[in-house]
Amino acid sequence: MRFYKITAPDKGYNGSVGGVGFHKGVARVAEDEAGSTLAYFARKGYTVEVVEETPAVPAETGETGGGEQTETGGDDKTPPTKTSRPARN
């Protein structure tokens, strides 16, 4: 799948144009979600560039992937746990 980086003429723009959300003048859109908006942005002076293309099916690496640490601190098969707060009186 191909992704596009769209840069607004106003580099500080935060909001939505044509259903595409911008933060600090930049949006990232998947090709299958872009529809005709890419042509609109190009006509209106936005910069549209391909930033990433990923294969449709991930390649087999032979790795099992067991036990790696994730951002949540657990292995990749264990869901993150919630920490509880003490009750307020």
C-alpha atoms as a PDB file:
ATOM      1  CA  MET A   1       0.000   0.000   0.000  1.00  0.00           C
ATOM      2  CA  ARG A   2       1.204   3.456  -0.835  1.00  0.00           C
ATOM      3  CA  PHE A   3       1.059   6.401   1.574  1.00  0.00           C
ATOM      4  CA  TYR A   4       1.205  10.091   0.794  1.00  0.00           C
ATOM      5  CA  LYS A   5       2.477  13.059   2.770  1.00  0.00           C
ATOM      6  CA  ILE A   6       0.427  16.162   2.074  1.00  0.00           C
ATOM      7  CA  THR A   7       1.852  19.501   3.155  1.00  0.00           C
ATOM      8  CA  ALA A   8      -0.512  22.474   3.384  1.00  0.00           C
ATOM      9  CA  PRO A   9       0.484  25.912   2.092  1.00  0.00           C
ATOM     10  CA  ASP A  10      -0.013  27.121   5.688  1.00  0.00           C
ATOM     11  CA  LYS A  11       2.694  25.223   7.611  1.00  0.00           C
ATOM     12  CA  GLY A  12       0.909  25.749  10.917  1.00  0.00           C
ATOM     13  CA  TYR A  13      -2.545  24.553   9.840  1.00  0.00           C
ATOM     14  CA  ASN A  14      -4.355  22.240  12.249  1.00  0.00           C
ATOM     15  CA  GLY A  15      -7.709  20.976  11.029  1.00  0.00           C
ATOM     16  CA  SER A  16      -9.447  19.001   8.327  1.00  0.00           C
ATOM     17  CA  VAL A  17      -9.686  19.558   4.565  1.00  0.00           C
ATOM     18  CA  GLY A  18     -11.749  17.173   2.471  1.00  0.00           C
ATOM     19  CA  GLY A  19     -11.886  14.653   5.302  1.00  0.00           C
ATOM     20  CA  VAL A  20      -8.090  14.645   5.701  1.00  0.00           C
ATOM     21  CA  GLY A  21      -6.749  15.722   9.094  1.00  0.00           C
ATOM     22  CA  PHE A  22      -3.755  18.058   9.227  1.00  0.00           C
ATOM     23  CA  HIS A  23      -1.439  18.695  12.166  1.00  0.00           C
ATOM     24  CA  LYS A  24       1.111  21.507  11.869  1.00  0.00           C
ATOM     25  CA  GLY A  25       0.384  21.654   8.145  1.00  0.00           C
ATOM     26  CA  VAL A  26       1.069  17.974   7.441  1.00  0.00           C
ATOM     27  CA  ALA A  27      -1.210  14.987   6.768  1.00  0.00           C
ATOM     28  CA  ARG A  28      -0.522  11.344   5.954  1.00  0.00           C
ATOM     29  CA  VAL A  29      -3.039   9.503   3.766  1.00  0.00           C
ATOM     30  CA  ALA A  30      -3.232   5.904   2.544  1.00  0.00           C
ATOM     31  CA  GLU A  31      -3.744   5.499  -1.186  1.00  0.00           C
ATOM     32  CA  ASP A  32      -6.978   3.545  -0.737  1.00  0.00           C
ATOM     33  CA  GLU A  33      -8.398   6.330   1.462  1.00  0.00           C
ATOM     34  CA  ALA A  34      -7.246   9.246  -0.683  1.00  0.00           C
ATOM     35  CA  GLY A  35      -9.718   9.020  -3.561  1.00  0.00           C
ATOM     36  CA  SER A  36      -9.865  12.235  -5.571  1.00  0.00           C
ATOM     37  CA  THR A  37      -8.490  14.359  -2.727  1.00  0.00           C
ATOM     38  CA  LEU A  38      -4.891  14.032  -3.956  1.00  0.00           C
ATOM     39  CA  ALA A  39      -5.743  15.791  -7.217  1.00  0.00           C
ATOM     40  CA  TYR A  40      -7.634  18.477  -5.275  1.00  0.00           C
ATOM     41  CA  PHE A  41      -4.651  19.130  -2.994  1.00  0.00           C
ATOM     42  CA  ALA A  42      -2.247  19.311  -5.943  1.00  0.00           C
ATOM     43  CA  ARG A  43      -4.512  21.842  -7.729  1.00  0.00           C
ATOM     44  CA  LYS A  44      -4.797  24.007  -4.601  1.00  0.00           C
ATOM     45  CA  GLY A  45      -1.056  24.354  -3.975  1.00  0.00           C
ATOM     46  CA  TYR A  46      -0.507  21.587  -1.406  1.00  0.00           C
ATOM     47  CA  THR A  47       2.614  19.454  -1.777  1.00  0.00           C
ATOM     48  CA  VAL A  48       1.764  15.780  -2.362  1.00  0.00           C
ATOM     49  CA  GLU A  49       4.548  13.205  -2.163  1.00  0.00           C
ATOM     50  CA  VAL A  50       4.809   9.427  -1.834  1.00  0.00           C
ATOM     51  CA  VAL A  51       6.456   8.689   1.497  1.00  0.00           C
ATOM     52  CA  GLU A  52       6.088   4.953   1.935  1.00  0.00           C
ATOM     53  CA  GLU A  53       5.148   1.908  -0.028  1.00  0.00           C
ATOM     54  CA  THR A  54       4.587  -1.341   1.819  1.00  0.00           C
ATOM     55  CA  PRO A  55       4.095  -4.795   0.352  1.00  0.00           C
ATOM     56  CA  ALA A  56       0.505  -6.074   0.310  1.00  0.00           C
ATOM     57  CA  VAL A  57       1.568  -9.313   2.064  1.00  0.00           C
ATOM     58  CA  PRO A  58       4.411  -9.277   4.604  1.00  0.00           C
ATOM     59  CA  ALA A  59       7.363 -11.452   3.629  1.00  0.00           C
ATOM     60  CA  GLU A  60       8.086 -14.522   5.756  1.00  0.00           C
ATOM     61  CA  THR A  61      11.244 -14.009   7.791  1.00  0.00           C
ATOM     62  CA  GLY A  62      11.354 -17.318   9.604  1.00  0.00           C
ATOM     63  CA  GLU A  63      11.401 -15.586  12.970  1.00  0.00           C
ATOM     64  CA  THR A  64       8.884 -16.684  15.568  1.00  0.00           C
ATOM     65  CA  GLY A  65       8.665 -13.278  17.216  1.00  0.00           C
ATOM     66  CA  GLY A  66       8.247 -14.677  20.694  1.00  0.00           C
ATOM     67  CA  GLY A  67       9.163 -12.676  23.767  1.00  0.00           C
ATOM     68  CA  GLU A  68      10.212  -9.368  22.262  1.00  0.00           C
ATOM     69  CA  GLN A  69       9.649  -6.296  24.394  1.00  0.00           C
ATOM     70  CA  THR A  70       7.115  -3.790  23.142  1.00  0.00           C
ATOM     71  CA  GLU A  71       6.449  -0.184  24.132  1.00  0.00           C
ATOM     72  CA  THR A  72       4.064  -1.444  26.798  1.00  0.00           C
ATOM     73  CA  GLY A  73       6.822  -3.485  28.420  1.00  0.00           C
ATOM     74  CA  GLY A  74       5.281  -6.923  27.835  1.00  0.00           C
ATOM     75  CA  ASP A  75       6.030  -9.497  25.199  1.00  0.00           C
ATOM     76  CA  ASP A  76       4.265  -9.212  21.873  1.00  0.00           C
ATOM     77  CA  LYS A  77       1.595 -11.780  22.788  1.00  0.00           C
ATOM     78  CA  THR A  78       0.561 -10.338  26.147  1.00  0.00           C
ATOM     79  CA  PRO A  79      -1.905  -7.425  26.173  1.00  0.00           C
ATOM     80  CA  PRO A  80      -0.917  -4.403  28.277  1.00  0.00           C
ATOM     81  CA  THR A  81      -2.309  -4.284  31.777  1.00  0.00           C
ATOM     82  CA  LYS A  82      -3.982  -1.340  33.462  1.00  0.00           C
ATOM     83  CA  THR A  83      -2.532   0.047  36.631  1.00  0.00           C
ATOM     84  CA  SER A  84      -5.041   0.909  39.280  1.00  0.00           C
ATOM     85  CA  ARG A  85      -5.081   4.051  41.375  1.00  0.00           C
ATOM     86  CA  PRO A  86      -5.794   4.072  45.089  1.00  0.00           C
ATOM     87  CA  ALA A  87      -9.375   4.978  45.917  1.00  0.00           C
ATOM     88  CA  ARG A  88     -10.015   8.576  46.952  1.00  0.00           C
ATOM     89  CA  ASN A  89     -11.750   9.230  50.273  1.00  0.00           C
END
